[in-house]
Amino acid sequence: MHKQRSFKLLMPLLILFAAVTIFSCKKDDVNNPTPNLPDLQSRVTSSVSGFVSDENNQAVSGATVKVGANTSSTDQYGFFSFRDVQVVKNAAVVTVTHSGYFKGMRTYIAEAGKAAVVRIKLLPKTNIGSIDAAAGGSATAADGLKVELPASGVVDGSGTAYTGPVTVSAKWLNPAADDFSQIMPGDLRALNTSGEMRTLLSYGMAAVELTGSGGQALQVAPGKKSTVFFPLPSTLQGPAPATIPLWHFDEEKGLWIEEGSATKVGDKYVGEVSHFSFWNCDVPANYIQFNVTVHDADGNPVPWAVVKLTMANAPFTATNGITDSSGYVNGAIPANTDLVMTIY
């Protein structure tokens, strides 16, 4: 059943392929807001394919790609494909790993008989500084992202206190960037402290990893906290709330998990974290699943079209998906929100 009151669609702005004169967009279905407690157990058999690139939009070959229990590698074009694999229906996850890069992870809503298409852009593990673990200290990236470690606040993988130099690799993810949906992990769906599913409006995201002198992975010690300073883009400083929930990315679930909060201080959000992975400053909102099929003027499905949805009152925020061979794509969008659709 179509619920027009739950989704207001403004006039689409259509950016056309040279080979296609006109697009028409068919709004197949807008579901009711999702149940409070999501089903993360049910599985379906579906297919997924996509491309992996680096920060300069160059194809990444030889990257390891995992979907469910299945593993493959990207070819010379950065392409991968999985057919008929078992995945979690409401939160299927594609995970990409490659030496020198942070993990790339994309979450999608899987449907039996449908083939999802994703694009993942890997971010380099940039060394932003070294901190003495015993004394503590800070490291700051050129973009303003800052990480502070407490004295004697780092352990290795076995939980043993580490006292040597700590290399901090970090990357700030600008939520106003055109490629934000390709560089961020997940699909901006999250579980709040009550275990309810929400979608997120991001005000800044960071990937942080700590390594020791021997290249071993390190973490914040139990009972300790690290402080992270998240830059705020100029376009977001006005509407940014004084305090905002913090969320970390759960790689197994493919969802963001609420944990703590950050405070707006000047042009940054400042918050304490108990461990390192991807962290996100976000305002949560109810969401609905939105399904679209794209046809050309002759009624033919348009595969590999990018469907971009932008909040009308926040044009710096956007989410997008890519149509499959039948011109179909789905995704989670904020409920009761004016959106502008762009197809290209």
C-alpha atoms as a PDB file:
ATOM      1  CA  MET A   1       0.000   0.000   0.000  1.00  0.00           C
ATOM      2  CA  HIS A   2       1.295   3.445  -0.884  1.00  0.00           C
ATOM      3  CA  LYS A   3       1.507   5.832   2.058  1.00  0.00           C
ATOM      4  CA  GLN A   4       1.704   9.259   0.491  1.00  0.00           C
ATOM      5  CA  ARG A   5       1.615  10.974   3.853  1.00  0.00           C
ATOM      6  CA  SER A   6       4.836   9.255   4.894  1.00  0.00           C
ATOM      7  CA  PHE A   7       6.895  10.503   1.961  1.00  0.00           C
ATOM      8  CA  LYS A   8       6.678  13.766   0.061  1.00  0.00           C
ATOM      9  CA  LEU A   9       8.504  13.664  -3.283  1.00  0.00           C
ATOM     10  CA  LEU A  10       9.384  16.923  -4.982  1.00  0.00           C
ATOM     11  CA  MET A  11       9.782  17.334  -8.747  1.00  0.00           C
ATOM     12  CA  PRO A  12      12.655  15.042  -9.816  1.00  0.00           C
ATOM     13  CA  LEU A  13      15.682  16.657 -11.382  1.00  0.00           C
ATOM     14  CA  LEU A  14      16.791  14.225 -14.078  1.00  0.00           C
ATOM     15  CA  ILE A  15      20.366  14.157 -15.304  1.00  0.00           C
ATOM     16  CA  LEU A  16      20.316  12.141 -18.507  1.00  0.00           C
ATOM     17  CA  PHE A  17      22.638   9.594 -20.023  1.00  0.00           C
ATOM     18  CA  ALA A  18      23.633  10.428 -23.581  1.00  0.00           C
ATOM     19  CA  ALA A  19      21.989   7.230 -24.808  1.00  0.00           C
ATOM     20  CA  VAL A  20      18.701   7.889 -23.009  1.00  0.00           C
ATOM     21  CA  THR A  21      16.540  10.860 -23.917  1.00  0.00           C
ATOM     22  CA  ILE A  22      14.128  10.814 -20.963  1.00  0.00           C
ATOM     23  CA  PHE A  23      13.880   8.990 -17.673  1.00  0.00           C
ATOM     24  CA  SER A  24      10.661   8.231 -15.897  1.00  0.00           C
ATOM     25  CA  CYS A  25      10.706   7.236 -12.258  1.00  0.00           C
ATOM     26  CA  LYS A  26       8.157   4.784 -10.940  1.00  0.00           C
ATOM     27  CA  LYS A  27       7.665   4.866  -7.179  1.00  0.00           C
ATOM     28  CA  ASP A  28       6.915   1.164  -6.615  1.00  0.00           C
ATOM     29  CA  ASP A  29       6.290   1.191  -2.915  1.00  0.00           C
ATOM     30  CA  VAL A  30       6.738   3.250   0.214  1.00  0.00           C
ATOM     31  CA  ASN A  31       6.426   1.046   3.271  1.00  0.00           C
ATOM     32  CA  ASN A  32       5.152   2.048   6.679  1.00  0.00           C
ATOM     33  CA  PRO A  33       7.803   3.112   9.195  1.00  0.00           C
ATOM     34  CA  THR A  34       9.807   0.057  10.206  1.00  0.00           C
ATOM     35  CA  PRO A  35       9.013  -1.844  13.414  1.00  0.00           C
ATOM     36  CA  ASN A  36      10.806  -0.581  16.501  1.00  0.00           C
ATOM     37  CA  LEU A  37      12.759  -3.794  17.088  1.00  0.00           C
ATOM     38  CA  PRO A  38      14.223  -4.984  13.776  1.00  0.00           C
ATOM     39  CA  ASP A  39      14.515  -8.573  12.583  1.00  0.00           C
ATOM     40  CA  LEU A  40      18.240  -9.182  12.100  1.00  0.00           C
ATOM     41  CA  GLN A  41      17.979 -12.980  11.934  1.00  0.00           C
ATOM     42  CA  SER A  42      15.927 -13.742   8.812  1.00  0.00           C
ATOM     43  CA  ARG A  43      17.992 -14.576   5.746  1.00  0.00           C
ATOM     44  CA  VAL A  44      17.323 -14.575   2.026  1.00  0.00           C
ATOM     45  CA  THR A  45      19.164 -15.769  -1.063  1.00  0.00           C
ATOM     46  CA  SER A  46      20.073 -12.885  -3.337  1.00  0.00           C
ATOM     47  CA  SER A  47      22.872 -11.503  -5.495  1.00  0.00           C
ATOM     48  CA  VAL A  48      25.107  -8.459  -5.221  1.00  0.00           C
ATOM     49  CA  SER A  49      27.782  -6.879  -7.402  1.00  0.00           C
ATOM     50  CA  GLY A  50      29.718  -3.647  -7.503  1.00  0.00           C
ATOM     51  CA  PHE A  51      32.926  -1.713  -7.968  1.00  0.00           C
ATOM     52  CA  VAL A  52      35.706  -0.806  -5.539  1.00  0.00           C
ATOM     53  CA  SER A  53      37.854   2.289  -6.083  1.00  0.00           C
ATOM     54  CA  ASP A  54      40.366   4.355  -4.134  1.00  0.00           C
ATOM     55  CA  GLU A  55      40.044   7.969  -3.014  1.00  0.00           C
ATOM     56  CA  ASN A  56      41.080   9.129  -6.502  1.00  0.00           C
ATOM     57  CA  ASN A  57      38.366   7.064  -8.212  1.00  0.00           C
ATOM     58  CA  GLN A  58      40.917   4.569  -9.527  1.00  0.00           C
ATOM     59  CA  ALA A  59      39.898   0.912  -9.614  1.00  0.00           C
ATOM     60  CA  VAL A  60      41.289  -1.222  -6.781  1.00  0.00           C
ATOM     61  CA  SER A  61      42.174  -4.698  -8.024  1.00  0.00           C
ATOM     62  CA  GLY A  62      42.921  -7.634  -5.750  1.00  0.00           C
ATOM     63  CA  ALA A  63      40.795  -6.360  -2.874  1.00  0.00           C
ATOM     64  CA  THR A  64      39.167  -9.064  -0.757  1.00  0.00           C
ATOM     65  CA  VAL A  65      35.372  -8.869  -0.752  1.00  0.00           C
ATOM     66  CA  LYS A  66      33.184 -10.772   1.711  1.00  0.00           C
ATOM     67  CA  VAL A  67      29.409 -11.198   1.560  1.00  0.00           C
ATOM     68  CA  GLY A  68      27.851 -13.523   4.127  1.00  0.00           C
ATOM     69  CA  ALA A  69      30.067 -16.626   4.275  1.00  0.00           C
ATOM     70  CA  ASN A  70      31.388 -16.040   0.752  1.00  0.00           C
ATOM     71  CA  THR A  71      34.679 -14.434  -0.281  1.00  0.00           C
ATOM     72  CA  SER A  72      35.965 -13.195  -3.628  1.00  0.00           C
ATOM     73  CA  SER A  73      38.405 -10.629  -5.070  1.00  0.00           C
ATOM     74  CA  THR A  74      38.022  -7.591  -7.280  1.00  0.00           C
ATOM     75  CA  ASP A  75      39.268  -7.829 -10.859  1.00  0.00           C
ATOM     76  CA  GLN A  76      41.410  -5.300 -12.752  1.00  0.00           C
ATOM     77  CA  TYR A  77      38.404  -2.987 -12.989  1.00  0.00           C
ATOM     78  CA  GLY A  78      37.648  -3.203  -9.276  1.00  0.00           C
ATOM     79  CA  PHE A  79      34.547  -5.272 -10.070  1.00  0.00           C
ATOM     80  CA  PHE A  80      33.127  -8.097  -7.958  1.00  0.00           C
ATOM     81  CA  SER A  81      29.991 -10.224  -8.139  1.00  0.00           C
ATOM     82  CA  PHE A  82      28.221 -12.748  -5.920  1.00  0.00           C
ATOM     83  CA  ARG A  83      25.284 -14.818  -7.152  1.00  0.00           C
ATOM     84  CA  ASP A  84      22.704 -16.532  -4.961  1.00  0.00           C
ATOM     85  CA  VAL A  85      24.338 -16.014  -1.566  1.00  0.00           C
ATOM     86  CA  GLN A  86      22.702 -16.245   1.854  1.00  0.00           C
ATOM     87  CA  VAL A  87      22.574 -12.870   3.622  1.00  0.00           C
ATOM     88  CA  VAL A  88      20.669 -11.171   6.445  1.00  0.00           C
ATOM     89  CA  LYS A  89      17.530  -9.797   4.818  1.00  0.00           C
ATOM     90  CA  ASN A  90      17.288  -6.475   6.647  1.00  0.00           C
ATOM     91  CA  ALA A  91      21.030  -5.791   6.903  1.00  0.00           C
ATOM     92  CA  ALA A  92      23.182  -7.584   4.343  1.00  0.00           C
ATOM     93  CA  VAL A  93      26.818  -6.474   4.475  1.00  0.00           C
ATOM     94  CA  VAL A  94      29.552  -6.206   1.839  1.00  0.00           C
ATOM     95  CA  THR A  95      33.017  -5.922   3.435  1.00  0.00           C
ATOM     96  CA  VAL A  96      36.111  -4.954   1.431  1.00  0.00           C
ATOM     97  CA  THR A  97      39.686  -5.158   2.722  1.00  0.00           C
ATOM     98  CA  HIS A  98      42.950  -4.149   1.075  1.00  0.00           C
ATOM     99  CA  SER A  99      46.397  -3.433   2.485  1.00  0.00           C
ATOM    100  CA  GLY A 100      46.907   0.215   3.384  1.00  0.00           C
ATOM    101  CA  TYR A 101      43.213   1.078   3.521  1.00  0.00           C
ATOM    102  CA  PHE A 102      40.492   1.190   6.140  1.00  0.00           C
ATOM    103  CA  LYS A 103      37.799  -1.423   5.641  1.00  0.00           C
ATOM    104  CA  GLY A 104      35.077  -0.511   3.183  1.00  0.00           C
ATOM    105  CA  MET A 105      31.636  -1.706   4.249  1.00  0.00           C
ATOM    106  CA  ARG A 106      28.232  -1.290   2.667  1.00  0.00           C
ATOM    107  CA  THR A 107      24.920  -2.422   4.154  1.00  0.00           C
ATOM    108  CA  TYR A 108      21.788  -2.968   2.085  1.00  0.00           C
ATOM    109  CA  ILE A 109      18.263  -4.367   2.353  1.00  0.00           C
ATOM    110  CA  ALA A 110      18.324  -7.694   0.508  1.00  0.00           C
ATOM    111  CA  GLU A 111      15.347  -9.043  -1.402  1.00  0.00           C
ATOM    112  CA  ALA A 112      14.916 -12.549  -2.800  1.00  0.00           C
ATOM    113  CA  GLY A 113      15.262 -12.532  -6.565  1.00  0.00           C
ATOM    114  CA  LYS A 114      16.713  -9.015  -6.606  1.00  0.00           C
ATOM    115  CA  ALA A 115      20.353  -8.120  -7.285  1.00  0.00           C
ATOM    116  CA  ALA A 116      21.857  -5.275  -5.272  1.00  0.00           C
ATOM    117  CA  VAL A 117      24.517  -2.998  -6.789  1.00  0.00           C
ATOM    118  CA  VAL A 118      27.020  -1.034  -4.678  1.00  0.00           C
ATOM    119  CA  ARG A 119      30.017   1.252  -5.111  1.00  0.00           C
ATOM    120  CA  ILE A 120      32.625   1.354  -2.367  1.00  0.00           C
ATOM    121  CA  LYS A 121      35.462   3.860  -2.162  1.00  0.00           C
ATOM    122  CA  LEU A 122      38.348   2.850   0.110  1.00  0.00           C
ATOM    123  CA  LEU A 123      40.048   5.412   2.346  1.00  0.00           C
ATOM    124  CA  PRO A 124      43.818   5.299   2.954  1.00  0.00           C
ATOM    125  CA  LYS A 125      45.151   4.700   6.448  1.00  0.00           C
ATOM    126  CA  THR A 126      46.840   8.060   6.883  1.00  0.00           C
ATOM    127  CA  ASN A 127      49.387   8.346   9.705  1.00  0.00           C
ATOM    128  CA  ILE A 128      48.453  11.539  11.564  1.00  0.00           C
ATOM    129  CA  GLY A 129      51.055  11.217  14.313  1.00  0.00           C
ATOM    130  CA  SER A 130      52.686   9.170  17.060  1.00  0.00           C
ATOM    131  CA  ILE A 131      51.803   9.253  20.775  1.00  0.00           C
ATOM    132  CA  ASP A 132      53.767   7.850  23.703  1.00  0.00           C
ATOM    133  CA  ALA A 133      51.400   5.339  25.293  1.00  0.00           C
ATOM    134  CA  ALA A 134      52.797   5.802  28.805  1.00  0.00           C
ATOM    135  CA  ALA A 135      52.570   9.598  28.793  1.00  0.00           C
ATOM    136  CA  GLY A 136      49.512   9.997  26.583  1.00  0.00           C
ATOM    137  CA  GLY A 137      49.074  12.879  24.173  1.00  0.00           C
ATOM    138  CA  SER A 138      47.374  13.860  20.946  1.00  0.00           C
ATOM    139  CA  ALA A 139      47.672  13.607  17.169  1.00  0.00           C
ATOM    140  CA  THR A 140      45.996  15.969  14.711  1.00  0.00           C
ATOM    141  CA  ALA A 141      45.250  15.465  11.017  1.00  0.00           C
ATOM    142  CA  ALA A 142      45.563  18.194   8.402  1.00  0.00           C
ATOM    143  CA  ASP A 143      41.763  18.347   8.113  1.00  0.00           C
ATOM    144  CA  GLY A 144      41.386  19.108  11.838  1.00  0.00           C
ATOM    145  CA  LEU A 145      40.468  15.642  13.114  1.00  0.00           C
ATOM    146  CA  LYS A 146      42.188  15.203  16.480  1.00  0.00           C
ATOM    147  CA  VAL A 147      42.682  12.147  18.694  1.00  0.00           C
ATOM    148  CA  GLU A 148      43.765  12.354  22.352  1.00  0.00           C
ATOM    149  CA  LEU A 149      44.957   9.295  24.283  1.00  0.00           C
ATOM    150  CA  PRO A 150      45.107   9.188  28.103  1.00  0.00           C
ATOM    151  CA  ALA A 151      48.305   8.228  29.920  1.00  0.00           C
ATOM    152  CA  SER A 152      48.749   4.444  30.253  1.00  0.00           C
ATOM    153  CA  GLY A 153      45.513   4.032  28.340  1.00  0.00           C
ATOM    154  CA  VAL A 154      46.373   1.549  25.583  1.00  0.00           C
ATOM    155  CA  VAL A 155      46.410  -2.269  25.447  1.00  0.00           C
ATOM    156  CA  ASP A 156      47.336  -4.829  22.807  1.00  0.00           C
ATOM    157  CA  GLY A 157      45.126  -7.588  21.431  1.00  0.00           C
ATOM    158  CA  SER A 158      45.638  -9.784  24.497  1.00  0.00           C
ATOM    159  CA  GLY A 159      44.655  -6.981  26.880  1.00  0.00           C
ATOM    160  CA  THR A 160      48.223  -6.400  28.060  1.00  0.00           C
ATOM    161  CA  ALA A 161      49.213  -2.803  28.777  1.00  0.00           C
ATOM    162  CA  TYR A 162      51.290  -1.268  25.989  1.00  0.00           C
ATOM    163  CA  THR A 163      53.887   1.395  26.809  1.00  0.00           C
ATOM    164  CA  GLY A 164      55.670   2.135  23.526  1.00  0.00           C
ATOM    165  CA  PRO A 165      54.951   4.558  20.685  1.00  0.00           C
ATOM    166  CA  VAL A 166      51.428   4.465  19.238  1.00  0.00           C
ATOM    167  CA  THR A 167      50.913   5.210  15.556  1.00  0.00           C
ATOM    168  CA  VAL A 168      47.542   6.875  14.973  1.00  0.00           C
ATOM    169  CA  SER A 169      45.984   6.268  11.556  1.00  0.00           C
ATOM    170  CA  ALA A 170      42.859   8.326  11.012  1.00  0.00           C
ATOM    171  CA  LYS A 171      40.570   9.756   8.376  1.00  0.00           C
ATOM    172  CA  TRP A 172      37.775  12.296   8.692  1.00  0.00           C
ATOM    173  CA  LEU A 173      34.705  11.629   6.542  1.00  0.00           C
ATOM    174  CA  ASN A 174      32.997  14.833   5.450  1.00  0.00           C
ATOM    175  CA  PRO A 175      29.200  14.301   5.526  1.00  0.00           C
ATOM    176  CA  ALA A 176      28.755  17.103   2.986  1.00  0.00           C
ATOM    177  CA  ALA A 177      31.079  15.448   0.444  1.00  0.00           C
ATOM    178  CA  ASP A 178      29.588  14.331  -2.876  1.00  0.00           C
ATOM    179  CA  ASP A 179      31.002  10.829  -2.401  1.00  0.00           C
ATOM    180  CA  PHE A 180      29.954  10.451   1.247  1.00  0.00           C
ATOM    181  CA  SER A 181      27.631   7.512   0.497  1.00  0.00           C
ATOM    182  CA  GLN A 182      30.561   5.666  -1.117  1.00  0.00           C
ATOM    183  CA  ILE A 183      33.174   6.265   1.589  1.00  0.00           C
ATOM    184  CA  MET A 184      31.037   5.747   4.700  1.00  0.00           C
ATOM    185  CA  PRO A 185      30.436   2.286   6.172  1.00  0.00           C
ATOM    186  CA  GLY A 186      26.900   0.897   6.327  1.00  0.00           C
ATOM    187  CA  ASP A 187      23.845   2.738   5.020  1.00  0.00           C
ATOM    188  CA  LEU A 188      23.277   5.170   7.924  1.00  0.00           C
ATOM    189  CA  ARG A 189      20.838   2.852   9.658  1.00  0.00           C
ATOM    190  CA  ALA A 190      21.478   2.363  13.345  1.00  0.00           C
ATOM    191  CA  LEU A 191      20.350   0.814  16.619  1.00  0.00           C
ATOM    192  CA  ASN A 192      19.708   3.271  19.446  1.00  0.00           C
ATOM    193  CA  THR A 193      20.196   2.488  23.132  1.00  0.00           C
ATOM    194  CA  SER A 194      16.735   0.863  23.195  1.00  0.00           C
ATOM    195  CA  GLY A 195      17.632  -1.457  20.315  1.00  0.00           C
ATOM    196  CA  GLU A 196      15.303   0.382  17.921  1.00  0.00           C
ATOM    197  CA  MET A 197      16.259   0.875  14.282  1.00  0.00           C
ATOM    198  CA  ARG A 198      16.743   4.444  13.092  1.00  0.00           C
ATOM    199  CA  THR A 199      18.306   6.276  10.179  1.00  0.00           C
ATOM    200  CA  LEU A 200      20.964   8.901  10.840  1.00  0.00           C
ATOM    201  CA  LEU A 201      21.723  12.442   9.734  1.00  0.00           C
ATOM    202  CA  SER A 202      25.503  12.701  10.003  1.00  0.00           C
ATOM    203  CA  TYR A 203      27.391  15.776  11.172  1.00  0.00           C
ATOM    204  CA  GLY A 204      30.801  14.134  10.896  1.00  0.00           C
ATOM    205  CA  MET A 205      32.468  10.751  10.909  1.00  0.00           C
ATOM    206  CA  ALA A 206      35.948   9.420  11.641  1.00  0.00           C
ATOM    207  CA  ALA A 207      37.917   6.221  11.125  1.00  0.00           C
ATOM    208  CA  VAL A 208      40.701   5.657  13.671  1.00  0.00           C
ATOM    209  CA  GLU A 209      43.152   2.786  14.161  1.00  0.00           C
ATOM    210  CA  LEU A 210      46.022   2.440  16.640  1.00  0.00           C
ATOM    211  CA  THR A 211      49.118   0.322  15.995  1.00  0.00           C
ATOM    212  CA  GLY A 212      52.226  -0.424  18.034  1.00  0.00           C
ATOM    213  CA  SER A 213      55.899  -0.390  17.104  1.00  0.00           C
ATOM    214  CA  GLY A 214      55.633  -3.956  15.816  1.00  0.00           C
ATOM    215  CA  GLY A 215      52.576  -3.238  13.704  1.00  0.00           C
ATOM    216  CA  GLN A 216      50.253  -4.879  16.236  1.00  0.00           C
ATOM    217  CA  ALA A 217      46.705  -3.605  16.633  1.00  0.00           C
ATOM    218  CA  LEU A 218      46.063  -1.600  19.795  1.00  0.00           C
ATOM    219  CA  GLN A 219      42.928  -0.447  21.587  1.00  0.00           C
ATOM    220  CA  VAL A 220      41.871   1.898  24.361  1.00  0.00           C
ATOM    221  CA  ALA A 221      42.365   0.149  27.718  1.00  0.00           C
ATOM    222  CA  PRO A 222      39.283  -0.996  29.667  1.00  0.00           C
ATOM    223  CA  GLY A 223      38.060   1.773  31.953  1.00  0.00           C
ATOM    224  CA  LYS A 224      39.853   4.453  29.924  1.00  0.00           C
ATOM    225  CA  LYS A 225      38.475   6.936  27.388  1.00  0.00           C
ATOM    226  CA  SER A 226      39.978   8.665  24.378  1.00  0.00           C
ATOM    227  CA  THR A 227      38.790  12.087  23.234  1.00  0.00           C
ATOM    228  CA  VAL A 228      38.024  12.691  19.562  1.00  0.00           C
ATOM    229  CA  PHE A 229      37.576  16.116  17.949  1.00  0.00           C
ATOM    230  CA  PHE A 230      35.360  15.871  14.845  1.00  0.00           C
ATOM    231  CA  PRO A 231      35.549  18.824  12.400  1.00  0.00           C
ATOM    232  CA  LEU A 232      32.225  20.416  11.447  1.00  0.00           C
ATOM    233  CA  PRO A 233      31.824  21.489   7.795  1.00  0.00           C
ATOM    234  CA  SER A 234      30.886  25.150   7.436  1.00  0.00           C
ATOM    235  CA  THR A 235      27.534  24.196   5.875  1.00  0.00           C
ATOM    236  CA  LEU A 236      26.604  22.231   9.002  1.00  0.00           C
ATOM    237  CA  GLN A 237      27.787  24.563  11.748  1.00  0.00           C
ATOM    238  CA  GLY A 238      24.543  26.557  11.810  1.00  0.00           C
ATOM    239  CA  PRO A 239      22.058  23.680  12.176  1.00  0.00           C
ATOM    240  CA  ALA A 240      24.398  21.532  14.299  1.00  0.00           C
ATOM    241  CA  PRO A 241      22.842  20.858  17.747  1.00  0.00           C
ATOM    242  CA  ALA A 242      24.754  21.722  20.926  1.00  0.00           C
ATOM    243  CA  THR A 243      24.981  18.049  21.871  1.00  0.00           C
ATOM    244  CA  ILE A 244      24.647  15.065  19.582  1.00  0.00           C
ATOM    245  CA  PRO A 245      24.593  11.272  20.030  1.00  0.00           C
ATOM    246  CA  LEU A 246      27.733   9.321  19.155  1.00  0.00           C
ATOM    247  CA  TRP A 247      27.556   6.036  17.249  1.00  0.00           C
ATOM    248  CA  HIS A 248      30.171   3.399  16.449  1.00  0.00           C
ATOM    249  CA  PHE A 249      29.964   1.004  13.515  1.00  0.00           C
ATOM    250  CA  ASP A 250      29.302  -2.675  14.292  1.00  0.00           C
ATOM    251  CA  GLU A 251      30.990  -4.611  11.490  1.00  0.00           C
ATOM    252  CA  GLU A 252      29.081  -7.820  12.194  1.00  0.00           C
ATOM    253  CA  LYS A 253      25.627  -6.246  12.185  1.00  0.00           C
ATOM    254  CA  GLY A 254      26.473  -3.691   9.496  1.00  0.00           C
ATOM    255  CA  LEU A 255      24.742  -1.024  11.607  1.00  0.00           C
ATOM    256  CA  TRP A 256      25.691   1.958  13.746  1.00  0.00           C
ATOM    257  CA  ILE A 257      25.323   1.503  17.518  1.00  0.00           C
ATOM    258  CA  GLU A 258      24.550   4.420  19.832  1.00  0.00           C
ATOM    259  CA  GLU A 259      27.180   4.972  22.526  1.00  0.00           C
ATOM    260  CA  GLY A 260      27.729   8.262  24.314  1.00  0.00           C
ATOM    261  CA  SER A 261      27.466  11.806  23.010  1.00  0.00           C
ATOM    262  CA  ALA A 262      29.550  14.711  21.734  1.00  0.00           C
ATOM    263  CA  THR A 263      29.414  18.428  22.515  1.00  0.00           C
ATOM    264  CA  LYS A 264      29.735  21.248  19.999  1.00  0.00           C
ATOM    265  CA  VAL A 265      32.835  23.324  20.775  1.00  0.00           C
ATOM    266  CA  GLY A 266      33.474  26.018  18.181  1.00  0.00           C
ATOM    267  CA  ASP A 267      33.734  24.364  14.785  1.00  0.00           C
ATOM    268  CA  LYS A 268      34.115  20.835  16.170  1.00  0.00           C
ATOM    269  CA  TYR A 269      32.226  18.127  18.005  1.00  0.00           C
ATOM    270  CA  VAL A 270      34.158  16.749  20.981  1.00  0.00           C
ATOM    271  CA  GLY A 271      33.353  13.367  22.483  1.00  0.00           C
ATOM    272  CA  GLU A 272      34.880  10.521  24.478  1.00  0.00           C
ATOM    273  CA  VAL A 273      35.084   6.984  23.071  1.00  0.00           C
ATOM    274  CA  SER A 274      35.929   3.693  24.760  1.00  0.00           C
ATOM    275  CA  HIS A 275      37.370   1.941  21.706  1.00  0.00           C
ATOM    276  CA  PHE A 276      38.316   2.691  18.130  1.00  0.00           C
ATOM    277  CA  SER A 277      36.604   1.837  14.868  1.00  0.00           C
ATOM    278  CA  PHE A 278      34.408   4.166  12.799  1.00  0.00           C
ATOM    279  CA  TRP A 279      32.664   6.810  14.925  1.00  0.00           C
ATOM    280  CA  ASN A 280      29.820   9.066  13.827  1.00  0.00           C
ATOM    281  CA  CYS A 281      28.090  12.213  15.171  1.00  0.00           C
ATOM    282  CA  ASP A 282      24.434  11.901  14.181  1.00  0.00           C
ATOM    283  CA  VAL A 283      20.865  12.941  14.788  1.00  0.00           C
ATOM    284  CA  PRO A 284      18.565   9.877  14.583  1.00  0.00           C
ATOM    285  CA  ALA A 285      15.201   9.791  12.796  1.00  0.00           C
ATOM    286  CA  ASN A 286      12.455   7.317  11.951  1.00  0.00           C
ATOM    287  CA  TYR A 287      12.772   5.815   8.501  1.00  0.00           C
ATOM    288  CA  ILE A 288      10.859   3.967   5.812  1.00  0.00           C
ATOM    289  CA  GLN A 289      11.955   1.625   3.038  1.00  0.00           C
ATOM    290  CA  PHE A 290      11.685   3.246  -0.386  1.00  0.00           C
ATOM    291  CA  ASN A 291      11.596   1.212  -3.615  1.00  0.00           C
ATOM    292  CA  VAL A 292      12.114   2.686  -7.089  1.00  0.00           C
ATOM    293  CA  THR A 293      12.149   1.334 -10.646  1.00  0.00           C
ATOM    294  CA  VAL A 294      13.672   3.531 -13.359  1.00  0.00           C
ATOM    295  CA  HIS A 295      12.537   3.279 -17.015  1.00  0.00           C
ATOM    296  CA  ASP A 296      13.456   5.232 -20.121  1.00  0.00           C
ATOM    297  CA  ALA A 297      10.912   6.942 -22.390  1.00  0.00           C
ATOM    298  CA  ASP A 298      10.189   3.648 -24.164  1.00  0.00           C
ATOM    299  CA  GLY A 299       9.474   1.790 -20.946  1.00  0.00           C
ATOM    300  CA  ASN A 300      12.788  -0.072 -20.872  1.00  0.00           C
ATOM    301  CA  PRO A 301      14.463  -0.580 -17.488  1.00  0.00           C
ATOM    302  CA  VAL A 302      17.598   1.505 -16.920  1.00  0.00           C
ATOM    303  CA  PRO A 303      20.337  -0.505 -15.182  1.00  0.00           C
ATOM    304  CA  TRP A 304      23.236   1.028 -13.243  1.00  0.00           C
ATOM    305  CA  ALA A 305      21.485   4.377 -12.849  1.00  0.00           C
ATOM    306  CA  VAL A 306      22.320   6.337  -9.702  1.00  0.00           C
ATOM    307  CA  VAL A 307      19.211   7.383  -7.759  1.00  0.00           C
ATOM    308  CA  LYS A 308      20.108  10.224  -5.397  1.00  0.00           C
ATOM    309  CA  LEU A 309      17.792  11.549  -2.684  1.00  0.00           C
ATOM    310  CA  THR A 310      18.545  14.876  -1.009  1.00  0.00           C
ATOM    311  CA  MET A 311      16.689  16.417   1.930  1.00  0.00           C
ATOM    312  CA  ALA A 312      14.931  19.561   0.661  1.00  0.00           C
ATOM    313  CA  ASN A 313      15.678  21.502   3.847  1.00  0.00           C
ATOM    314  CA  ALA A 314      19.255  20.197   4.071  1.00  0.00           C
ATOM    315  CA  PRO A 315      20.679  20.060   0.529  1.00  0.00           C
ATOM    316  CA  PHE A 316      24.137  19.229   1.863  1.00  0.00           C
ATOM    317  CA  THR A 317      22.865  15.776   2.872  1.00  0.00           C
ATOM    318  CA  ALA A 318      22.159  13.005   0.393  1.00  0.00           C
ATOM    319  CA  THR A 319      21.889   9.262   0.019  1.00  0.00           C
ATOM    320  CA  ASN A 320      21.950   7.251  -3.153  1.00  0.00           C
ATOM    321  CA  GLY A 321      21.608   3.794  -4.614  1.00  0.00           C
ATOM    322  CA  ILE A 322      22.295   2.089  -7.937  1.00  0.00           C
ATOM    323  CA  THR A 323      19.666   0.286 -10.002  1.00  0.00           C
ATOM    324  CA  ASP A 324      20.059  -3.385 -10.913  1.00  0.00           C
ATOM    325  CA  SER A 325      19.525  -4.928 -14.360  1.00  0.00           C
ATOM    326  CA  SER A 326      15.759  -4.456 -14.006  1.00  0.00           C
ATOM    327  CA  GLY A 327      16.128  -0.764 -13.098  1.00  0.00           C
ATOM    328  CA  TYR A 328      15.215  -1.462  -9.464  1.00  0.00           C
ATOM    329  CA  VAL A 329      16.778  -0.105  -6.284  1.00  0.00           C
ATOM    330  CA  ASN A 330      15.660   0.185  -2.663  1.00  0.00           C
ATOM    331  CA  GLY A 331      16.919   1.815   0.501  1.00  0.00           C
ATOM    332  CA  ALA A 332      16.097   3.472   3.805  1.00  0.00           C
ATOM    333  CA  ILE A 333      15.057   7.136   3.834  1.00  0.00           C
ATOM    334  CA  PRO A 334      13.848   9.511   6.587  1.00  0.00           C
ATOM    335  CA  ALA A 335      10.089   9.341   7.184  1.00  0.00           C
ATOM    336  CA  ASN A 336       7.816  12.374   6.726  1.00  0.00           C
ATOM    337  CA  THR A 337      10.537  14.406   5.025  1.00  0.00           C
ATOM    338  CA  ASP A 338      10.576  16.404   1.787  1.00  0.00           C
ATOM    339  CA  LEU A 339      13.169  14.903  -0.549  1.00  0.00           C
ATOM    340  CA  VAL A 340      14.473  15.807  -3.987  1.00  0.00           C
ATOM    341  CA  MET A 341      15.259  12.922  -6.327  1.00  0.00           C
ATOM    342  CA  THR A 342      18.038  13.080  -8.920  1.00  0.00           C
ATOM    343  CA  ILE A 343      18.668  10.252 -11.382  1.00  0.00           C
ATOM    344  CA  TYR A 344      21.803  10.041 -13.498  1.00  0.00           C
END
